[in-house]
Amino acid sequence: QKGDNQSAEKRFFQALTLKRIFPIAAFNIGFINFSAGKYEKALNNYLFAKGLYDETIKLAKEYNVLPDVANRFKDDAADVCLHLGVTKEKLGDDKEALMCYSESLSYRPAFPRAHYNMAVVYWKRKDWDNAIIEFENALRIDPGFNEARYFLGKAMEMKNK
């Protein structure tokens, strides 16, 4: 039923008990908690999901899975790190958020959203040089990222004030 987060969370936990290495279930539990404003709980769920993705990536390498499959796991791990960063920001830890966004890029180097989110943290710090660099990085990867383009212009204006 739509909006039944408690039931969805229960089903994802059941999925994890049936299949121990099922990172998407842990990620979705984190997302449910994040959406409900339960940031500490979401953080723990995302950390658990990241550990499961790391284990999955390790097993994929060990078993020589096809590169597309291995890259999908890395993309998913990058998404988890991005969500970890956003959660860290919500909890007021911008330094850790930057580290999470950076780790996200270690899984998926061409991830414009990670660069954009780093730029946002730098923006909050009024670190215009780094904000500009990260907005430009996001646009280099995705020239159609209009939000990054808009805020790049604003950051340049702020730097020149």
Protein backbone atom coordinates (compact mmCIF):
# COMPACT_ATOMS: atom_id res chain seq x y z
CA GLN A 1 0.00 0.00 0.00
CA LYS A 2 1.29 3.45 -0.95
CA GLY A 3 2.95 5.29 1.92
CA ASP A 4 3.17 2.21 4.14
CA ASN A 5 6.82 2.65 5.09
CA GLN A 6 6.60 0.41 8.13
CA SER A 7 5.39 -2.51 6.04
CA ALA A 8 8.00 -1.85 3.35
CA GLU A 9 10.77 -1.70 5.94
CA LYS A 10 9.58 -4.99 7.41
CA ARG A 11 9.62 -6.63 3.96
CA PHE A 12 13.15 -5.38 3.25
CA PHE A 13 14.32 -6.79 6.60
CA GLN A 14 12.72 -10.10 5.67
CA ALA A 15 14.57 -10.01 2.36
CA LEU A 16 17.84 -9.49 4.23
CA THR A 17 17.17 -12.49 6.45
CA LEU A 18 16.53 -14.65 3.37
CA LYS A 19 19.55 -13.37 1.47
CA ARG A 20 22.37 -12.11 3.66
CA ILE A 21 24.18 -10.20 0.91
CA PHE A 22 21.33 -8.11 -0.48
CA PRO A 23 22.59 -4.53 -0.34
CA ILE A 24 19.67 -2.92 -2.17
CA ALA A 25 17.35 -4.02 0.65
CA ALA A 26 19.58 -2.34 3.25
CA PHE A 27 19.80 0.76 1.04
CA ASN A 28 16.01 0.94 0.74
CA ILE A 29 15.60 0.64 4.51
CA GLY A 30 17.99 3.57 4.80
CA PHE A 31 15.98 5.56 2.29
CA ILE A 32 12.75 4.86 4.17
CA ASN A 33 14.33 6.12 7.39
CA PHE A 34 15.90 9.13 5.69
CA SER A 35 12.55 10.09 4.16
CA ALA A 36 10.99 9.88 7.61
CA GLY A 37 13.64 12.21 9.04
CA LYS A 38 15.28 9.42 11.05
CA TYR A 39 18.79 10.40 9.98
CA GLU A 40 20.80 8.44 12.56
CA LYS A 41 18.90 5.29 11.69
CA ALA A 42 19.29 5.99 7.98
CA LEU A 43 23.01 6.51 8.48
CA ASN A 44 23.36 3.07 10.06
CA ASN A 45 21.32 1.47 7.28
CA TYR A 46 23.39 3.16 4.59
CA LEU A 47 26.64 2.11 6.30
CA PHE A 48 25.37 -1.46 6.41
CA ALA A 49 24.40 -1.28 2.72
CA LYS A 50 27.84 0.09 1.85
CA GLY A 51 29.48 -2.82 3.64
CA LEU A 52 27.30 -5.24 1.70
CA TYR A 53 28.17 -3.53 -1.60
CA ASP A 54 31.87 -3.69 -0.73
CA GLU A 55 31.48 -7.40 -0.03
CA THR A 56 29.56 -7.87 -3.29
CA ILE A 57 32.24 -5.99 -5.26
CA LYS A 58 34.92 -8.16 -3.66
CA LEU A 59 33.04 -11.34 -4.56
CA ALA A 60 32.43 -10.08 -8.10
CA LYS A 61 36.16 -9.59 -8.54
CA GLU A 62 36.92 -12.98 -7.00
CA TYR A 63 34.50 -14.73 -9.34
CA ASN A 64 35.49 -12.69 -12.41
CA VAL A 65 31.99 -11.50 -13.21
CA LEU A 66 31.36 -9.61 -16.41
CA PRO A 67 32.61 -6.01 -16.31
CA ASP A 68 29.09 -4.61 -16.79
CA VAL A 69 27.89 -6.49 -13.72
CA ALA A 70 30.87 -5.38 -11.63
CA ASN A 71 30.36 -1.77 -12.75
CA ARG A 72 26.68 -1.93 -11.76
CA PHE A 73 27.72 -2.90 -8.22
CA LYS A 74 30.20 0.00 -8.14
CA ASP A 75 27.53 2.41 -9.41
CA ASP A 76 25.19 1.25 -6.66
CA ALA A 77 27.95 1.65 -4.05
CA ALA A 78 28.53 5.19 -5.36
CA ASP A 79 24.83 5.93 -4.85
CA VAL A 80 25.00 4.65 -1.28
CA CYS A 81 28.02 6.88 -0.56
CA LEU A 82 26.15 9.83 -2.03
CA HIS A 83 23.21 9.15 0.28
CA LEU A 84 25.61 8.75 3.19
CA GLY A 85 26.96 12.20 2.38
CA VAL A 86 23.52 13.76 2.26
CA THR A 87 22.68 12.11 5.57
CA LYS A 88 25.91 13.41 7.11
CA GLU A 89 24.97 16.89 5.91
CA LYS A 90 21.54 16.58 7.52
CA LEU A 91 23.31 15.60 10.74
CA GLY A 92 25.51 18.70 10.49
CA ASP A 93 28.77 16.97 9.60
CA ASP A 94 29.88 18.63 6.38
CA LYS A 95 33.45 17.35 6.70
CA GLU A 96 32.26 13.75 6.72
CA ALA A 97 29.80 14.54 3.93
CA LEU A 98 32.69 15.69 1.73
CA MET A 99 34.53 12.46 2.49
CA CYS A 100 31.45 10.44 1.51
CA TYR A 101 31.06 12.33 -1.76
CA SER A 102 34.74 11.79 -2.48
CA GLU A 103 34.37 8.08 -1.78
CA SER A 104 31.38 8.02 -4.09
CA LEU A 105 33.69 9.26 -6.84
CA SER A 106 36.14 6.45 -6.09
CA TYR A 107 33.42 4.00 -7.17
CA ARG A 108 32.10 6.09 -10.06
CA PRO A 109 34.57 8.77 -11.18
CA ALA A 110 32.12 10.27 -13.67
CA PHE A 111 29.36 11.06 -11.15
CA PRO A 112 28.15 14.64 -11.62
CA ARG A 113 25.81 14.55 -8.62
CA ALA A 114 28.72 13.80 -6.26
CA HIS A 115 30.62 16.80 -7.61
CA TYR A 116 27.51 18.94 -7.32
CA ASN A 117 26.94 17.89 -3.71
CA MET A 118 30.57 18.66 -2.89
CA ALA A 119 30.06 22.10 -4.43
CA VAL A 120 27.04 22.64 -2.18
CA VAL A 121 29.13 21.92 0.93
CA TYR A 122 31.81 24.32 -0.28
CA TRP A 123 29.07 26.87 -1.00
CA LYS A 124 27.86 26.64 2.60
CA ARG A 125 31.43 27.28 3.72
CA LYS A 126 31.69 30.22 1.30
CA ASP A 127 34.68 28.44 -0.25
CA TRP A 128 33.94 29.84 -3.70
CA ASP A 129 37.07 28.49 -5.40
CA ASN A 130 36.30 24.87 -4.53
CA ALA A 131 32.58 25.32 -5.18
CA ILE A 132 33.39 26.62 -8.67
CA ILE A 133 35.77 23.71 -9.32
CA GLU A 134 33.15 21.15 -8.32
CA PHE A 135 30.33 22.78 -10.30
CA GLU A 136 32.67 22.81 -13.30
CA ASN A 137 33.51 19.13 -12.71
CA ALA A 138 29.81 18.28 -12.65
CA LEU A 139 29.26 20.20 -15.90
CA ARG A 140 32.27 18.60 -17.57
CA ILE A 141 30.63 15.21 -16.99
CA ASP A 142 27.06 16.35 -17.70
CA PRO A 143 26.89 19.55 -19.77
CA GLY A 144 23.10 19.50 -19.44
CA PHE A 145 23.19 19.73 -15.63
CA ASN A 146 21.31 23.04 -15.53
CA GLU A 147 21.23 23.33 -11.74
CA ALA A 148 25.04 23.10 -11.64
CA ARG A 149 25.29 25.66 -14.44
CA TYR A 150 23.01 28.08 -12.59
CA PHE A 151 24.87 27.82 -9.29
CA LEU A 152 28.25 27.96 -11.01
CA GLY A 153 27.29 31.43 -12.25
CA LYS A 154 26.12 32.43 -8.79
CA ALA A 155 29.33 31.12 -7.18
CA MET A 156 31.39 33.11 -9.66
CA GLU A 157 29.39 36.22 -8.77
CA MET A 158 29.93 35.59 -5.05
CA LYS A 159 33.66 35.09 -5.56
CA ASN A 160 33.95 38.38 -7.44
CA LYS A 161 32.15 40.40 -4.74
